[in-house]
Amino acid sequence: MPVDIDELSASAPRFYGKYRGTVENNIDPMQQGRVQVSCPAVLGSGQLSWALPSSPYAGNGVGLFLVPPVGANVWVEFEAGNPNNPILGGCFWGTGEVPATPALAEMKVLKTDSMSIELSDLPGAGGIKVSVSSPAVAMSISISATSSGVEVSVGASKITLSPVSVSINDGALEVM
C-alpha cells in the first residue's frame, strides 16, 4: 500500500536506515514475495509485520523471485520511515552460514535446500556446476563444466566429456 507522505503525522516517530530482522513466515497469502518479519528494534519484541521485497529486477510477469527461508537474517527498512510499511532490503549471513566453499569473491552461488548453481571465476579452476538433490528429485542430478571437460551424472550413471574422449560410467565405455 503506497504511503501518502503528506498524511503522515509530523509527530509520529520515523525509522530511517536498515534494521536487523528475522524472517518468521515466508508464505505470503497475497503471493507478492512478501515475508513476515520480526524487527524488535522498531516493531517491538514479539511483533510481526509483512515486508515487501526490494528486488533488483521486477515487472509484470518478470523478475528475480527469491524468498528467504524462515529463520533467515534480513535487513528491514521502512518506506518514508513509517514503521507500518516495512521493506525487505536484503539478507545477511551469520558466522558459518555462507553457502560458498571457499567463501571467495570469485565464487558466485545460488543455493536452496535441494538445488545449487555454482559459478567460479577462480583462475585455472573456473567453471559452472548445477546440482539437484532430494526432496526436489528422486535421485541426484549434477552437471559441471570446466576447462578440463563436462560431466553429467544422474544417480549412479555418469558421462564425462574431455577434450580427447568420452567416458560412460567411469570407463565402462570409452570413446576416443
Protein backbone atom coordinates (compact mmCIF):
# COMPACT_ATOMS: atom_id res chain seq x y z
CA MET A 1 0.00 0.00 0.00
CA PRO A 2 1.56 3.35 -1.05
CA VAL A 3 2.38 5.87 1.63
CA ASP A 4 0.96 9.39 1.33
CA ILE A 5 3.82 11.33 2.89
CA ASP A 6 1.59 14.41 3.32
CA GLU A 7 -0.77 12.39 5.54
CA LEU A 8 1.96 11.22 7.90
CA SER A 9 1.78 12.90 11.27
CA ALA A 10 4.73 15.17 11.94
CA SER A 11 4.87 13.85 15.49
CA ALA A 12 4.92 10.14 14.54
CA PRO A 13 8.35 8.53 15.02
CA ARG A 14 10.30 7.75 11.85
CA PHE A 15 12.79 4.94 11.38
CA TYR A 16 15.33 5.53 8.63
CA GLY A 17 18.15 3.22 7.65
CA LYS A 18 18.47 -0.55 7.95
CA TYR A 19 17.50 -2.62 10.97
CA ARG A 20 18.27 -6.27 11.73
CA GLY A 21 15.31 -8.60 11.48
CA THR A 22 14.38 -12.26 11.10
CA VAL A 23 12.01 -14.00 8.68
CA GLU A 24 9.24 -15.57 10.76
CA ASN A 25 6.89 -16.62 7.92
CA ASN A 26 7.57 -16.81 4.18
CA ILE A 27 4.18 -17.96 2.88
CA ASP A 28 2.61 -14.78 1.54
CA PRO A 29 -1.18 -15.06 1.22
CA MET A 30 -1.06 -12.25 -1.37
CA GLN A 31 1.71 -14.01 -3.39
CA GLN A 32 3.83 -10.87 -3.77
CA GLY A 33 7.03 -12.36 -2.37
CA ARG A 34 6.48 -10.66 0.99
CA VAL A 35 7.83 -12.15 4.21
CA GLN A 36 6.58 -11.68 7.74
CA VAL A 37 9.46 -10.29 9.78
CA SER A 38 10.31 -9.57 13.36
CA CYS A 39 12.34 -6.41 13.89
CA PRO A 40 12.47 -5.81 17.66
CA ALA A 41 14.37 -2.51 17.43
CA VAL A 42 11.42 -0.90 15.61
CA LEU A 43 8.36 -3.14 15.92
CA GLY A 44 8.98 -4.27 19.49
CA SER A 45 9.56 -7.76 20.85
CA GLY A 46 7.15 -10.41 19.55
CA GLN A 47 5.58 -8.09 16.94
CA LEU A 48 5.49 -9.14 13.27
CA SER A 49 4.81 -7.26 10.05
CA TRP A 50 4.64 -8.13 6.33
CA ALA A 51 7.62 -6.68 4.45
CA LEU A 52 7.54 -6.08 0.69
CA PRO A 53 10.66 -7.25 -1.14
CA SER A 54 13.06 -4.78 -2.71
CA SER A 55 14.05 -6.59 -5.90
CA PRO A 56 16.79 -5.58 -8.35
CA TYR A 57 14.55 -6.71 -11.23
CA ALA A 58 10.74 -6.79 -11.27
CA GLY A 59 7.85 -6.11 -13.62
CA ASN A 60 4.55 -7.61 -14.73
CA GLY A 61 5.27 -11.35 -15.03
CA VAL A 62 9.08 -10.93 -14.98
CA GLY A 63 11.73 -10.54 -12.33
CA LEU A 64 14.08 -12.11 -9.86
CA PHE A 65 11.89 -14.02 -7.38
CA LEU A 66 13.86 -15.19 -4.33
CA VAL A 67 12.10 -15.60 -0.97
CA PRO A 68 14.37 -16.15 2.05
CA PRO A 69 13.68 -19.12 4.33
CA VAL A 70 12.12 -18.88 7.77
CA GLY A 71 14.85 -18.01 10.25
CA ALA A 72 16.93 -16.03 7.73
CA ASN A 73 18.65 -12.86 8.93
CA VAL A 74 17.29 -9.88 6.99
CA TRP A 75 17.75 -6.13 6.68
CA VAL A 76 14.46 -4.29 7.24
CA GLU A 77 13.85 -0.73 6.07
CA PHE A 78 10.70 1.38 6.35
CA GLU A 79 9.09 3.33 3.49
CA ALA A 80 9.33 7.05 4.31
CA GLY A 81 10.46 5.93 7.78
CA ASN A 82 6.95 4.64 8.54
CA PRO A 83 7.09 1.53 10.79
CA ASN A 84 3.77 0.36 9.28
CA ASN A 85 5.41 -0.07 5.85
CA PRO A 86 8.42 -2.40 6.18
CA ILE A 87 10.61 -3.28 3.21
CA LEU A 88 12.82 -6.37 2.93
CA GLY A 89 16.07 -4.66 1.94
CA GLY A 90 18.22 -7.77 1.79
CA CYS A 91 19.64 -10.64 3.78
CA PHE A 92 22.86 -11.35 5.66
CA TRP A 93 24.65 -14.45 6.91
CA GLY A 94 25.63 -15.29 10.43
CA THR A 95 29.02 -16.85 11.16
CA GLY A 96 29.47 -20.12 9.24
CA GLU A 97 26.30 -19.68 7.14
CA VAL A 98 27.83 -18.60 3.78
CA PRO A 99 26.91 -21.21 1.10
CA ALA A 100 30.09 -20.72 -0.99
CA THR A 101 33.04 -23.01 -0.33
CA PRO A 102 35.50 -21.41 -0.31
CA ALA A 103 33.87 -18.07 0.54
CA LEU A 104 35.83 -16.04 -2.01
CA ALA A 105 34.83 -13.15 -4.26
CA GLU A 106 35.46 -15.35 -7.32
CA MET A 107 32.67 -17.73 -6.24
CA LYS A 108 29.03 -16.94 -7.08
CA VAL A 109 26.49 -19.33 -5.54
CA LEU A 110 22.71 -19.63 -5.61
CA LYS A 111 21.73 -22.36 -3.16
CA THR A 112 18.37 -23.62 -1.95
CA ASP A 113 17.57 -26.64 0.23
CA SER A 114 17.85 -29.04 -2.71
CA MET A 115 19.47 -27.13 -5.60
CA SER A 116 22.60 -25.15 -6.25
CA ILE A 117 24.21 -23.21 -9.05
CA GLU A 118 27.91 -22.50 -8.55
CA LEU A 119 29.85 -20.12 -10.80
CA SER A 120 33.60 -20.00 -10.30
CA ASP A 121 35.96 -17.41 -11.73
CA LEU A 122 38.91 -18.96 -9.86
CA PRO A 123 41.98 -18.83 -12.15
CA GLY A 124 42.70 -22.31 -13.55
CA ALA A 125 39.75 -23.86 -11.71
CA GLY A 126 36.80 -21.84 -13.01
CA GLY A 127 33.58 -23.30 -14.29
CA ILE A 128 29.93 -23.90 -13.56
CA LYS A 129 28.12 -26.62 -11.63
CA VAL A 130 24.38 -27.21 -11.33
CA SER A 131 23.18 -29.75 -8.75
CA VAL A 132 19.71 -31.01 -7.81
CA SER A 133 19.03 -33.45 -4.97
CA SER A 134 16.13 -34.66 -2.84
CA PRO A 135 13.49 -33.68 -1.99
CA ALA A 136 13.24 -31.94 -5.40
CA VAL A 137 14.16 -35.12 -7.31
CA ALA A 138 14.25 -38.84 -6.52
CA MET A 139 17.94 -39.23 -7.44
CA SER A 140 20.70 -36.65 -7.54
CA ILE A 141 21.47 -34.83 -10.80
CA SER A 142 24.67 -32.90 -11.46
CA ILE A 143 26.12 -31.06 -14.46
CA SER A 144 29.56 -29.45 -14.27
CA ALA A 145 31.71 -27.78 -16.89
CA THR A 146 35.34 -26.63 -16.58
CA SER A 147 38.24 -26.23 -19.00
CA SER A 148 39.06 -29.91 -18.48
CA GLY A 149 35.62 -31.13 -19.59
CA VAL A 150 31.96 -31.64 -18.88
CA GLU A 151 30.44 -34.17 -16.51
CA VAL A 152 26.77 -35.15 -16.33
CA SER A 153 25.54 -37.52 -13.65
CA VAL A 154 22.14 -38.89 -12.71
CA GLY A 155 22.17 -41.19 -9.70
CA ALA A 156 25.00 -43.69 -10.23
CA SER A 157 25.23 -43.06 -14.00
CA LYS A 158 27.84 -40.65 -15.31
CA ILE A 159 29.07 -39.31 -18.66
CA THR A 160 32.38 -37.46 -18.80
CA LEU A 161 33.46 -35.48 -21.86
CA SER A 162 37.08 -34.37 -22.04
CA PRO A 163 38.86 -32.66 -24.94
CA VAL A 164 40.07 -36.09 -26.15
CA SER A 165 37.50 -38.68 -25.03
CA VAL A 166 34.03 -39.57 -23.80
CA SER A 167 33.67 -41.90 -20.83
CA ILE A 168 30.44 -43.52 -19.71
CA ASN A 169 30.10 -44.86 -16.16
CA ASP A 170 33.76 -44.47 -15.19
CA GLY A 171 35.22 -46.30 -18.19
CA ALA A 172 32.54 -48.95 -18.81
CA LEU A 173 32.51 -47.47 -22.32
CA GLU A 174 35.31 -45.27 -23.65
CA VAL A 175 35.25 -43.37 -26.94
CA MET A 176 38.49 -41.78 -28.09
